Protein backbone atom coordinates (compact mmCIF):
# COMPACT_ATOMS: atom_id res chain seq x y z
CA UNK A 1 -12.10 9.33 22.97
CA UNK A 2 -8.43 10.47 22.32
CA UNK A 3 -7.12 10.62 18.55
CA UNK A 4 -5.57 7.26 18.70
CA UNK A 5 -8.79 5.45 20.01
CA UNK A 6 -10.75 7.46 17.43
CA UNK A 7 -8.61 6.16 14.58
CA UNK A 8 -8.69 2.58 15.85
CA UNK A 9 -12.71 2.94 15.97
CA UNK A 10 -12.70 4.34 12.46
CA UNK A 11 -10.39 1.64 10.88
CA UNK A 12 -12.50 -1.08 12.53
CA UNK A 13 -15.73 0.25 11.41
CA UNK A 14 -14.60 0.67 7.87
CA UNK A 15 -13.26 -2.86 7.64
CA UNK A 16 -16.36 -4.33 9.03
CA UNK A 17 -18.52 -2.29 6.63
CA UNK A 18 -16.21 -2.02 3.66
CA UNK A 19 -18.57 -3.45 1.05
CA UNK A 20 -21.64 -1.75 2.35
CA UNK A 21 -22.76 1.81 1.35
CA UNK A 22 -20.87 3.64 4.12
CA UNK A 23 -20.34 7.40 4.01
CA UNK A 24 -18.02 9.59 6.27
CA UNK A 25 -21.12 10.45 8.31
CA UNK A 26 -21.68 6.83 9.23
CA UNK A 27 -18.06 6.36 10.27
CA UNK A 28 -18.11 9.60 12.42
CA UNK A 29 -21.38 8.60 14.14
CA UNK A 30 -19.95 5.18 14.86
CA UNK A 31 -16.95 6.90 16.47
CA UNK A 32 -19.06 9.43 18.36
CA UNK A 33 -17.26 12.44 16.81
CA UNK A 34 -18.12 14.99 14.15
CA UNK A 35 -17.60 14.42 10.44
CA UNK A 36 -15.30 17.56 10.38
CA UNK A 37 -13.12 16.08 13.20
CA UNK A 38 -12.69 12.69 11.65
CA UNK A 39 -11.87 14.12 8.31
CA UNK A 40 -9.21 16.61 9.71
CA UNK A 41 -7.63 13.67 11.70
CA UNK A 42 -7.61 11.31 8.61
CA UNK A 43 -6.14 14.05 6.16
CA UNK A 44 -3.72 14.85 8.79
CA UNK A 45 -2.36 11.29 9.18
CA UNK A 46 -3.18 9.63 5.95
CA UNK A 47 -3.25 12.63 3.37
CA UNK A 48 -6.57 11.64 2.16
CA UNK A 49 -10.19 11.67 2.91
CA UNK A 50 -12.24 9.05 4.64
CA UNK A 51 -13.99 8.34 1.37
CA UNK A 52 -10.84 7.84 -0.58
CA UNK A 53 -9.46 5.44 1.87
CA UNK A 54 -12.51 3.49 1.78
CA UNK A 55 -12.38 3.32 -2.05
CA UNK A 56 -8.72 2.32 -2.10
CA UNK A 57 -9.31 -0.56 0.32
CA UNK A 58 -12.25 -1.76 -1.67
CA UNK A 59 -10.11 -1.67 -4.87
CA UNK A 60 -7.14 -3.32 -3.16
CA UNK A 61 -9.51 -6.20 -2.09
CA UNK A 62 -11.15 -6.46 -5.46
CA UNK A 63 -7.71 -6.87 -7.05
CA UNK A 64 -6.64 -9.52 -4.67
CA UNK A 65 -9.97 -11.30 -5.41
CA UNK A 66 -9.41 -11.15 -9.26
CA UNK A 67 -5.80 -12.61 -8.60
CA UNK A 68 -6.99 -15.42 -6.21
CA UNK A 69 -10.17 -16.22 -7.84
CA UNK A 70 -9.71 -15.86 -11.61
CA UNK A 71 -12.84 -17.83 -12.36
CA UNK A 72 -14.92 -14.85 -11.34
CA UNK A 73 -16.21 -12.34 -13.71
CA UNK A 74 -15.56 -8.64 -13.50
CA UNK A 75 -19.34 -8.27 -12.61
CA UNK A 76 -19.14 -10.92 -10.01
CA UNK A 77 -16.25 -9.14 -8.42
CA UNK A 78 -18.07 -5.78 -8.71
CA UNK A 79 -21.19 -7.18 -7.01
CA UNK A 80 -19.08 -9.07 -4.13
CA UNK A 81 -17.49 -5.47 -3.64
CA UNK A 82 -20.74 -3.71 -3.15
CA UNK A 83 -21.17 -2.15 -6.52
CA UNK A 84 -24.55 -2.49 -8.37
CA UNK A 85 -23.06 -1.99 -11.92
CA UNK A 86 -20.10 -2.93 -13.75
CA UNK A 87 -19.57 0.61 -14.86
CA UNK A 88 -19.25 2.32 -11.35
CA UNK A 89 -16.96 -0.40 -10.22
CA UNK A 90 -14.77 -0.15 -13.36
CA UNK A 91 -14.47 3.72 -12.88
CA UNK A 92 -13.37 3.23 -9.28
CA UNK A 93 -10.96 0.45 -10.17
CA UNK A 94 -9.28 2.33 -12.96
CA UNK A 95 -8.87 5.48 -10.78
CA UNK A 96 -6.95 3.22 -8.25
CA UNK A 97 -5.06 0.99 -10.60
CA UNK A 98 -4.54 2.93 -13.72
CA UNK A 99 -6.15 0.26 -15.78
CA UNK A 100 -9.50 -1.37 -16.37
CA UNK A 101 -10.52 -4.59 -14.34
CA UNK A 102 -10.48 -6.72 -17.63
CA UNK A 103 -6.81 -5.58 -18.26
CA UNK A 104 -5.75 -6.40 -14.67
CA UNK A 105 -7.37 -9.86 -14.82
CA UNK A 106 -5.13 -10.67 -17.79
CA UNK A 107 -2.00 -9.59 -15.98
CA UNK A 108 -2.95 -9.78 -12.10
CA UNK A 109 -0.29 -8.24 -9.91
CA UNK A 110 0.73 -9.65 -6.58
CA UNK A 111 1.26 -6.45 -4.42
CA UNK A 112 -1.11 -4.73 -2.09
CA UNK A 113 -1.80 -1.29 -3.44
CA UNK A 114 -3.35 -0.15 -0.27
CA UNK A 115 -3.25 -2.61 2.84
CA UNK A 116 -5.26 -2.04 5.91
CA UNK A 117 -4.20 0.48 8.37
CA UNK A 118 -4.12 0.09 12.03
CA UNK A 119 -3.75 2.54 14.84
CA UNK A 120 -0.61 4.59 14.35
CA UNK A 121 2.58 4.03 16.55
CA UNK A 122 4.74 6.49 18.19
CA UNK A 123 8.16 5.46 19.21
CA UNK A 124 9.74 6.69 22.35
CA UNK A 125 11.32 10.03 21.83
CA UNK A 126 9.61 10.59 18.56
CA UNK A 127 7.04 13.67 18.05
CA UNK A 128 5.47 12.09 15.06
CA UNK A 129 3.19 8.89 14.34
CA UNK A 130 4.20 6.18 12.19
CA UNK A 131 1.52 4.39 10.00
CA UNK A 132 0.91 0.88 11.21
CA UNK A 133 0.10 -1.25 8.09
CA UNK A 134 -1.32 -4.81 8.29
CA UNK A 135 1.07 -7.17 6.51
CA UNK A 136 0.15 -10.09 8.72
CA UNK A 137 -1.35 -12.09 5.86
CA UNK A 138 2.25 -12.65 4.73
CA UNK A 139 3.51 -13.92 8.01
CA UNK A 140 3.82 -17.56 6.91
CA UNK A 141 5.78 -16.45 3.95
CA UNK A 142 8.04 -14.55 6.07
CA UNK A 143 8.57 -17.70 8.44
CA UNK A 144 9.41 -19.99 5.41
CA UNK A 145 11.82 -17.32 3.93
CA UNK A 146 13.45 -16.12 7.15
CA UNK A 147 16.91 -16.45 5.55
CA UNK A 148 15.92 -14.85 2.41
CA UNK A 149 16.77 -11.13 1.38
CA UNK A 150 14.49 -8.12 1.15
CA UNK A 151 14.68 -5.23 -1.29
CA UNK A 152 13.08 -2.03 0.39
CA UNK A 153 12.07 0.90 -1.49
CA UNK A 154 11.02 4.37 -0.49
CA UNK A 155 9.42 6.87 -2.99
CA UNK A 156 11.70 9.95 -3.12
CA UNK A 157 10.13 13.35 -2.47
CA UNK A 158 6.54 12.10 -2.46
CA UNK A 159 5.51 15.04 -0.55
CA UNK A 160 6.22 17.60 -3.29
CA UNK A 161 4.57 15.24 -5.77
CA UNK A 162 1.43 15.29 -3.67
CA UNK A 163 1.61 19.04 -3.63
CA UNK A 164 1.18 19.20 -7.38
CA UNK A 165 -1.81 16.81 -7.05
CA UNK A 166 -2.66 13.72 -4.95
CA UNK A 167 -3.42 12.09 -8.47
CA UNK A 168 0.18 12.63 -9.21
CA UNK A 169 1.34 10.96 -6.07
CA UNK A 170 -0.87 7.98 -6.65
CA UNK A 171 0.82 7.68 -10.12
CA UNK A 172 4.16 7.90 -8.52
CA UNK A 173 3.27 5.10 -6.18
CA UNK A 174 1.93 3.00 -8.77
CA UNK A 175 4.89 3.52 -11.06
CA UNK A 176 7.27 2.63 -8.26
CA UNK A 177 5.51 -0.69 -7.74
CA UNK A 178 5.40 -1.30 -11.39
CA UNK A 179 9.23 -0.88 -11.49
CA UNK A 180 9.75 -3.18 -8.46
CA UNK A 181 7.43 -5.71 -10.13
CA UNK A 182 9.00 -5.59 -13.56
CA UNK A 183 12.32 -6.76 -11.83
CA UNK A 184 10.91 -9.22 -9.43
CA UNK A 185 11.28 -12.92 -10.04
CA UNK A 186 8.00 -15.08 -10.31
CA UNK A 187 8.33 -16.33 -6.52
CA UNK A 188 9.14 -12.76 -5.17
CA UNK A 189 6.62 -11.05 -3.14
CA UNK A 190 6.01 -7.23 -3.13
CA UNK A 191 4.01 -5.55 -0.39
CA UNK A 192 3.49 -2.17 1.07
CA UNK A 193 4.80 -1.38 4.58
CA UNK A 194 3.98 2.44 4.79
CA UNK A 195 2.50 5.29 2.88
CA UNK A 196 5.29 5.39 0.27
CA UNK A 197 7.44 2.33 1.57
CA UNK A 198 7.54 -0.98 -0.08
CA UNK A 199 9.35 -4.24 0.26
CA UNK A 200 10.03 -7.09 -2.11
CA UNK A 201 10.68 -10.37 -0.36
CA UNK A 202 13.06 -12.62 -2.59
CA UNK A 203 13.00 -16.40 -2.52
CA UNK A 204 16.72 -16.36 -2.45
CA UNK A 205 19.26 -16.47 0.25
CA UNK A 206 21.96 -15.04 -2.23
CA UNK A 207 22.62 -11.37 -1.53
CA UNK A 208 23.84 -10.92 -5.08
CA UNK A 209 20.24 -11.65 -6.47
CA UNK A 210 18.69 -9.09 -4.15
CA UNK A 211 21.42 -6.48 -4.99
CA UNK A 212 21.03 -7.06 -8.82
CA UNK A 213 17.17 -6.42 -8.50
CA UNK A 214 18.02 -3.20 -6.45
CA UNK A 215 20.43 -2.03 -8.98
CA UNK A 216 17.95 -2.49 -11.82
CA UNK A 217 15.22 -0.51 -10.21
CA UNK A 218 17.88 2.13 -9.13
CA UNK A 219 18.81 2.48 -12.69
CA UNK A 220 15.34 3.92 -13.64
CA UNK A 221 15.61 6.68 -11.07
CA UNK A 222 15.06 9.89 -12.67
CA UNK A 223 12.74 8.44 -15.40
CA UNK A 224 9.64 10.85 -15.24
CA UNK A 225 6.01 10.06 -14.64
CA UNK A 226 3.61 12.15 -16.78
CA UNK A 227 0.74 13.94 -15.10
CA UNK A 228 -1.47 16.10 -17.23
CA UNK A 229 1.27 16.63 -19.73
CA UNK A 230 3.90 17.57 -17.04
CA UNK A 231 6.94 15.50 -16.63
CA UNK A 232 7.83 14.74 -12.92
CA UNK A 233 11.19 12.97 -12.26
CA UNK A 234 10.56 9.92 -9.96
CA UNK A 235 13.23 8.01 -7.88
CA UNK A 236 13.33 5.70 -4.98
CA UNK A 237 15.59 4.91 -2.11
CA UNK A 238 16.67 1.43 -1.99
CA UNK A 239 17.99 -0.81 0.69
CA UNK A 240 18.78 -4.60 0.66
CA UNK A 241 18.46 -6.31 4.04
CA UNK A 242 18.28 -9.78 5.63
CA UNK A 243 16.39 -10.30 8.76
CA UNK A 244 18.16 -11.16 11.89
CA UNK A 245 15.13 -12.42 13.86
CA UNK A 246 14.74 -15.61 15.54
CA UNK A 247 12.01 -16.37 16.09
CA UNK A 248 10.54 -14.17 13.30
CA UNK A 249 7.97 -11.83 15.16
CA UNK A 250 5.65 -9.62 13.09
CA UNK A 251 6.14 -6.33 14.94
CA UNK A 252 9.97 -6.58 15.04
CA UNK A 253 9.99 -7.57 11.21
CA UNK A 254 7.99 -4.38 10.55
CA UNK A 255 10.46 -2.23 12.40
CA UNK A 256 13.59 -3.78 10.87
CA UNK A 257 12.23 -3.24 7.42
CA UNK A 258 11.26 0.34 8.12
CA UNK A 259 14.71 1.04 9.70
CA UNK A 260 16.63 -0.44 6.56
CA UNK A 261 14.93 2.12 4.58
CA UNK A 262 15.58 5.08 6.88
CA UNK A 263 19.33 4.35 6.88
CA UNK A 264 19.62 4.94 3.07
CA UNK A 265 17.68 8.05 3.04
């Protein structure tokens, strides 16, 4: 099994058993490889452990559950996500979202903190792999808004922030999403398209509307996040784009959003 086949098997096993008490050893066993080999590959590509990926995926789905099913109590969500106690679930949720589940329920967000990953892609002529993120759940929205504008953002210098601490990197990602959300309209949709790349799909065919959002986000560049008393300047690269796809195809859409961000870096 080569590296890409190994990652495919690992991602599929994790999603199929996401709410079970799975450990890294279980994933490695299902993929017929050693725990050390799997961890090395995961950290190289995703910059996190298998365990951290599992927790982030659970908390992303837990947040979606709270947003889409507000009648569920926090305990009901915890049990549905495989947690036996409210306390253990709340600790994991706060670590991922920087707020308690009850606080999130009062003000649910509409972006995916950590969407599902698939086998990375390697473009012809490239010597590196790109993450392949699942945004297929939004495909119907893309179809209905194919003439609307996107505001694409990429966290600036996330690698040096992660070198301070991965927790600092998580804070940078959350704050970037918060800044996008603060400027989004009620019908705009925010989603993640890469490790530190995000897109806001407007419900407007007016480029000025999208450009105004981009400018308001850009005005916050340089405003620091605070990690353990240390101020870390945070900024994002921003691109406004309109898809030129007919018909709208998922893979092509993903590529065009990614390329729009690369052009402004």
